[in-house]
Amino acid sequence: MRLRYIILLVFFVPLLAIFSISIYKGFETRKKAKIREEINRKIRVEVLNAAGVNGLARKVTWLLRKDGFDVVYYGNADEPLPKTVVVERRDSSMFHARHLARWIGCREITLEIDPDRVLDVSLVLGKDYKKLFKGIDSLKIVF
């Protein structure tokens, strides 16, 4: 009887753990999809390449659009930067910048309100872009 209990426990506990993890992953996936649909698509983004890597802004634009962001412009920055920075352009609470920074894992956020621009946030890609966009150099995108 005791052996039967141990065998049942040995099979049941891992099965319960796998089931719990898969349910959690499902909730996370649905949560991300809801955020993508409700928040990301409303944020207008400009992507600027300050890393000096040819085609980087275009690749990041593709990734952000895939995640639902409305990228309205991409191009090169005026001068190189060592670190990637997210710049809020519209809202002093920095909602858009904080959201995008959290989404991509960027810690550098700043506020530069510019009411003449038709965008909410600028993503200025610095030389540390590989930390935020792993594998982007090998990404092949045909436009």
C-alpha atoms as a PDB file:
ATOM      1  CA  MET A   1       0.000   0.000   0.000  1.00  0.00           C
ATOM      2  CA  ARG A   2       2.812   2.399   0.901  1.00  0.00           C
ATOM      3  CA  LEU A   3       4.656   1.605  -2.351  1.00  0.00           C
ATOM      4  CA  ARG A   4       1.529   2.398  -4.335  1.00  0.00           C
ATOM      5  CA  TYR A   5       1.286   5.779  -2.579  1.00  0.00           C
ATOM      6  CA  ILE A   6       4.934   6.602  -3.339  1.00  0.00           C
ATOM      7  CA  ILE A   7       4.580   5.624  -7.002  1.00  0.00           C
ATOM      8  CA  LEU A   8       1.426   7.720  -7.315  1.00  0.00           C
ATOM      9  CA  LEU A   9       3.204  10.666  -5.694  1.00  0.00           C
ATOM     10  CA  VAL A  10       6.254  10.314  -7.955  1.00  0.00           C
ATOM     11  CA  PHE A  11       4.080  10.506 -11.080  1.00  0.00           C
ATOM     12  CA  PHE A  12       1.459  12.953  -9.842  1.00  0.00           C
ATOM     13  CA  VAL A  13       3.740  15.738  -8.544  1.00  0.00           C
ATOM     14  CA  PRO A  14       5.698  16.231 -11.819  1.00  0.00           C
ATOM     15  CA  LEU A  15       2.459  16.006 -13.802  1.00  0.00           C
ATOM     16  CA  LEU A  16       0.891  18.671 -11.597  1.00  0.00           C
ATOM     17  CA  ALA A  17       3.983  20.873 -11.983  1.00  0.00           C
ATOM     18  CA  ILE A  18       3.918  20.566 -15.783  1.00  0.00           C
ATOM     19  CA  PHE A  19       0.195  21.320 -15.849  1.00  0.00           C
ATOM     20  CA  SER A  20       0.652  24.384 -13.620  1.00  0.00           C
ATOM     21  CA  ILE A  21       3.513  25.741 -15.720  1.00  0.00           C
ATOM     22  CA  SER A  22       1.567  25.307 -18.963  1.00  0.00           C
ATOM     23  CA  ILE A  23      -1.440  27.133 -17.513  1.00  0.00           C
ATOM     24  CA  TYR A  24       0.803  29.966 -16.322  1.00  0.00           C
ATOM     25  CA  LYS A  25       2.474  30.214 -19.757  1.00  0.00           C
ATOM     26  CA  GLY A  26      -0.965  30.332 -21.378  1.00  0.00           C
ATOM     27  CA  PHE A  27      -2.040  33.206 -19.133  1.00  0.00           C
ATOM     28  CA  GLU A  28       1.208  35.068 -19.869  1.00  0.00           C
ATOM     29  CA  THR A  29       0.745  34.590 -23.622  1.00  0.00           C
ATOM     30  CA  ARG A  30      -2.842  35.869 -23.501  1.00  0.00           C
ATOM     31  CA  LYS A  31      -1.795  38.769 -21.275  1.00  0.00           C
ATOM     32  CA  LYS A  32       0.940  39.784 -23.727  1.00  0.00           C
ATOM     33  CA  ALA A  33      -1.481  39.493 -26.649  1.00  0.00           C
ATOM     34  CA  LYS A  34      -3.976  41.722 -24.839  1.00  0.00           C
ATOM     35  CA  ILE A  35      -1.275  44.322 -24.095  1.00  0.00           C
ATOM     36  CA  ARG A  36      -0.124  44.143 -27.718  1.00  0.00           C
ATOM     37  CA  GLU A  37      -3.682  44.770 -28.905  1.00  0.00           C
ATOM     38  CA  GLU A  38      -4.767  47.407 -26.396  1.00  0.00           C
ATOM     39  CA  ILE A  39      -1.609  49.409 -25.628  1.00  0.00           C
ATOM     40  CA  ASN A  40       1.191  48.777 -28.128  1.00  0.00           C
ATOM     41  CA  ARG A  41      -0.861  49.625 -31.215  1.00  0.00           C
ATOM     42  CA  LYS A  42      -1.710  53.041 -29.756  1.00  0.00           C
ATOM     43  CA  ILE A  43       1.915  54.075 -29.230  1.00  0.00           C
ATOM     44  CA  ARG A  44       3.518  55.915 -32.166  1.00  0.00           C
ATOM     45  CA  VAL A  45       7.250  55.250 -32.255  1.00  0.00           C
ATOM     46  CA  GLU A  46      10.251  56.703 -34.061  1.00  0.00           C
ATOM     47  CA  VAL A  47      13.310  54.422 -34.297  1.00  0.00           C
ATOM     48  CA  LEU A  48      16.692  56.123 -34.708  1.00  0.00           C
ATOM     49  CA  ASN A  49      19.969  54.298 -35.311  1.00  0.00           C
ATOM     50  CA  ALA A  50      22.742  55.839 -33.191  1.00  0.00           C
ATOM     51  CA  ALA A  51      24.830  52.652 -33.231  1.00  0.00           C
ATOM     52  CA  GLY A  52      26.220  53.115 -36.727  1.00  0.00           C
ATOM     53  CA  VAL A  53      25.082  49.650 -37.841  1.00  0.00           C
ATOM     54  CA  ASN A  54      23.684  49.576 -41.360  1.00  0.00           C
ATOM     55  CA  GLY A  55      19.986  48.570 -41.460  1.00  0.00           C
ATOM     56  CA  LEU A  56      19.574  48.393 -37.672  1.00  0.00           C
ATOM     57  CA  ALA A  57      16.662  50.846 -37.427  1.00  0.00           C
ATOM     58  CA  ARG A  58      14.795  48.941 -40.147  1.00  0.00           C
ATOM     59  CA  LYS A  59      15.225  45.609 -38.346  1.00  0.00           C
ATOM     60  CA  VAL A  60      14.097  47.029 -35.001  1.00  0.00           C
ATOM     61  CA  THR A  61      11.149  48.685 -36.766  1.00  0.00           C
ATOM     62  CA  TRP A  62      10.140  45.287 -38.112  1.00  0.00           C
ATOM     63  CA  LEU A  63      10.364  43.718 -34.639  1.00  0.00           C
ATOM     64  CA  LEU A  64       8.384  46.518 -32.987  1.00  0.00           C
ATOM     65  CA  ARG A  65       5.673  46.389 -35.654  1.00  0.00           C
ATOM     66  CA  LYS A  66       5.504  42.632 -35.142  1.00  0.00           C
ATOM     67  CA  ASP A  67       4.851  43.389 -31.463  1.00  0.00           C
ATOM     68  CA  GLY A  68       2.041  45.767 -32.431  1.00  0.00           C
ATOM     69  CA  PHE A  69       3.740  49.160 -32.082  1.00  0.00           C
ATOM     70  CA  ASP A  70       2.906  51.862 -34.637  1.00  0.00           C
ATOM     71  CA  VAL A  71       6.360  52.793 -35.958  1.00  0.00           C
ATOM     72  CA  VAL A  72       5.826  55.998 -37.934  1.00  0.00           C
ATOM     73  CA  TYR A  73       9.462  56.683 -38.855  1.00  0.00           C
ATOM     74  CA  TYR A  74      12.864  55.026 -38.824  1.00  0.00           C
ATOM     75  CA  GLY A  75      16.249  56.388 -39.800  1.00  0.00           C
ATOM     76  CA  ASN A  76      19.652  57.454 -38.525  1.00  0.00           C
ATOM     77  CA  ALA A  77      20.407  59.637 -35.510  1.00  0.00           C
ATOM     78  CA  ASP A  78      22.589  62.724 -35.871  1.00  0.00           C
ATOM     79  CA  GLU A  79      25.351  61.411 -33.617  1.00  0.00           C
ATOM     80  CA  PRO A  80      26.397  58.050 -32.137  1.00  0.00           C
ATOM     81  CA  LEU A  81      25.401  56.995 -28.623  1.00  0.00           C
ATOM     82  CA  PRO A  82      26.935  54.335 -26.387  1.00  0.00           C
ATOM     83  CA  LYS A  83      23.599  53.379 -24.774  1.00  0.00           C
ATOM     84  CA  THR A  84      20.100  52.921 -26.114  1.00  0.00           C
ATOM     85  CA  VAL A  85      17.617  55.451 -24.763  1.00  0.00           C
ATOM     86  CA  VAL A  86      13.831  55.762 -24.923  1.00  0.00           C
ATOM     87  CA  VAL A  87      12.673  59.379 -25.218  1.00  0.00           C
ATOM     88  CA  GLU A  88       9.142  60.428 -24.267  1.00  0.00           C
ATOM     89  CA  ARG A  89       7.854  63.127 -26.652  1.00  0.00           C
ATOM     90  CA  ARG A  90       4.244  63.734 -25.547  1.00  0.00           C
ATOM     91  CA  ASP A  91       3.324  62.898 -21.964  1.00  0.00           C
ATOM     92  CA  SER A  92       5.081  64.257 -18.874  1.00  0.00           C
ATOM     93  CA  SER A  93       4.067  61.116 -16.964  1.00  0.00           C
ATOM     94  CA  MET A  94       6.303  59.291 -19.474  1.00  0.00           C
ATOM     95  CA  PHE A  95       3.735  56.516 -19.932  1.00  0.00           C
ATOM     96  CA  HIS A  96       4.733  55.696 -23.519  1.00  0.00           C
ATOM     97  CA  ALA A  97       8.474  55.700 -22.810  1.00  0.00           C
ATOM     98  CA  ARG A  98       8.103  53.569 -19.692  1.00  0.00           C
ATOM     99  CA  HIS A  99       5.922  51.062 -21.520  1.00  0.00           C
ATOM    100  CA  LEU A 100       8.265  50.713 -24.505  1.00  0.00           C
ATOM    101  CA  ALA A 101      11.346  50.597 -22.262  1.00  0.00           C
ATOM    102  CA  ARG A 102       9.800  47.838 -20.157  1.00  0.00           C
ATOM    103  CA  TRP A 103       8.751  45.946 -23.304  1.00  0.00           C
ATOM    104  CA  ILE A 104      12.290  45.865 -24.742  1.00  0.00           C
ATOM    105  CA  GLY A 105      14.199  45.818 -21.429  1.00  0.00           C
ATOM    106  CA  CYS A 106      15.805  49.260 -21.684  1.00  0.00           C
ATOM    107  CA  ARG A 107      16.751  51.139 -18.502  1.00  0.00           C
ATOM    108  CA  GLU A 108      17.563  54.530 -20.038  1.00  0.00           C
ATOM    109  CA  ILE A 109      14.480  56.779 -20.257  1.00  0.00           C
ATOM    110  CA  THR A 110      14.296  60.529 -20.697  1.00  0.00           C
ATOM    111  CA  LEU A 111      11.705  63.240 -21.293  1.00  0.00           C
ATOM    112  CA  GLU A 112      11.931  65.703 -24.196  1.00  0.00           C
ATOM    113  CA  ILE A 113       8.452  67.014 -24.970  1.00  0.00           C
ATOM    114  CA  ASP A 114       8.068  68.034 -28.614  1.00  0.00           C
ATOM    115  CA  PRO A 115       4.471  68.964 -29.535  1.00  0.00           C
ATOM    116  CA  ASP A 116       5.416  69.434 -33.204  1.00  0.00           C
ATOM    117  CA  ARG A 117       6.128  65.736 -33.713  1.00  0.00           C
ATOM    118  CA  VAL A 118       3.384  63.283 -34.622  1.00  0.00           C
ATOM    119  CA  LEU A 119       4.774  60.559 -32.394  1.00  0.00           C
ATOM    120  CA  ASP A 120       4.742  59.573 -28.744  1.00  0.00           C
ATOM    121  CA  VAL A 121       8.208  58.169 -28.191  1.00  0.00           C
ATOM    122  CA  SER A 122      11.619  57.936 -29.846  1.00  0.00           C
ATOM    123  CA  LEU A 123      13.771  54.842 -29.512  1.00  0.00           C
ATOM    124  CA  VAL A 124      17.397  55.838 -30.060  1.00  0.00           C
ATOM    125  CA  LEU A 125      19.475  52.704 -30.572  1.00  0.00           C
ATOM    126  CA  GLY A 126      22.932  52.915 -29.029  1.00  0.00           C
ATOM    127  CA  LYS A 127      25.942  50.642 -29.365  1.00  0.00           C
ATOM    128  CA  ASP A 128      24.479  48.391 -26.634  1.00  0.00           C
ATOM    129  CA  TYR A 129      21.545  47.364 -28.883  1.00  0.00           C
ATOM    130  CA  LYS A 130      22.601  43.683 -28.856  1.00  0.00           C
ATOM    131  CA  LYS A 131      21.694  43.428 -25.164  1.00  0.00           C
ATOM    132  CA  LEU A 132      18.119  44.484 -25.927  1.00  0.00           C
ATOM    133  CA  PHE A 133      17.644  42.758 -29.280  1.00  0.00           C
ATOM    134  CA  LYS A 134      19.494  39.462 -29.039  1.00  0.00           C
ATOM    135  CA  GLY A 135      20.186  37.844 -32.396  1.00  0.00           C
ATOM    136  CA  ILE A 136      19.219  40.918 -34.394  1.00  0.00           C
ATOM    137  CA  ASP A 137      22.459  40.920 -36.385  1.00  0.00           C
ATOM    138  CA  SER A 138      21.574  37.535 -37.879  1.00  0.00           C
ATOM    139  CA  LEU A 139      17.955  38.540 -38.563  1.00  0.00           C
ATOM    140  CA  LYS A 140      17.200  38.475 -42.283  1.00  0.00           C
ATOM    141  CA  ILE A 141      14.334  40.732 -43.323  1.00  0.00           C
ATOM    142  CA  VAL A 142      13.358  41.396 -46.924  1.00  0.00           C
ATOM    143  CA  PHE A 143      11.563  44.686 -47.572  1.00  0.00           C
END
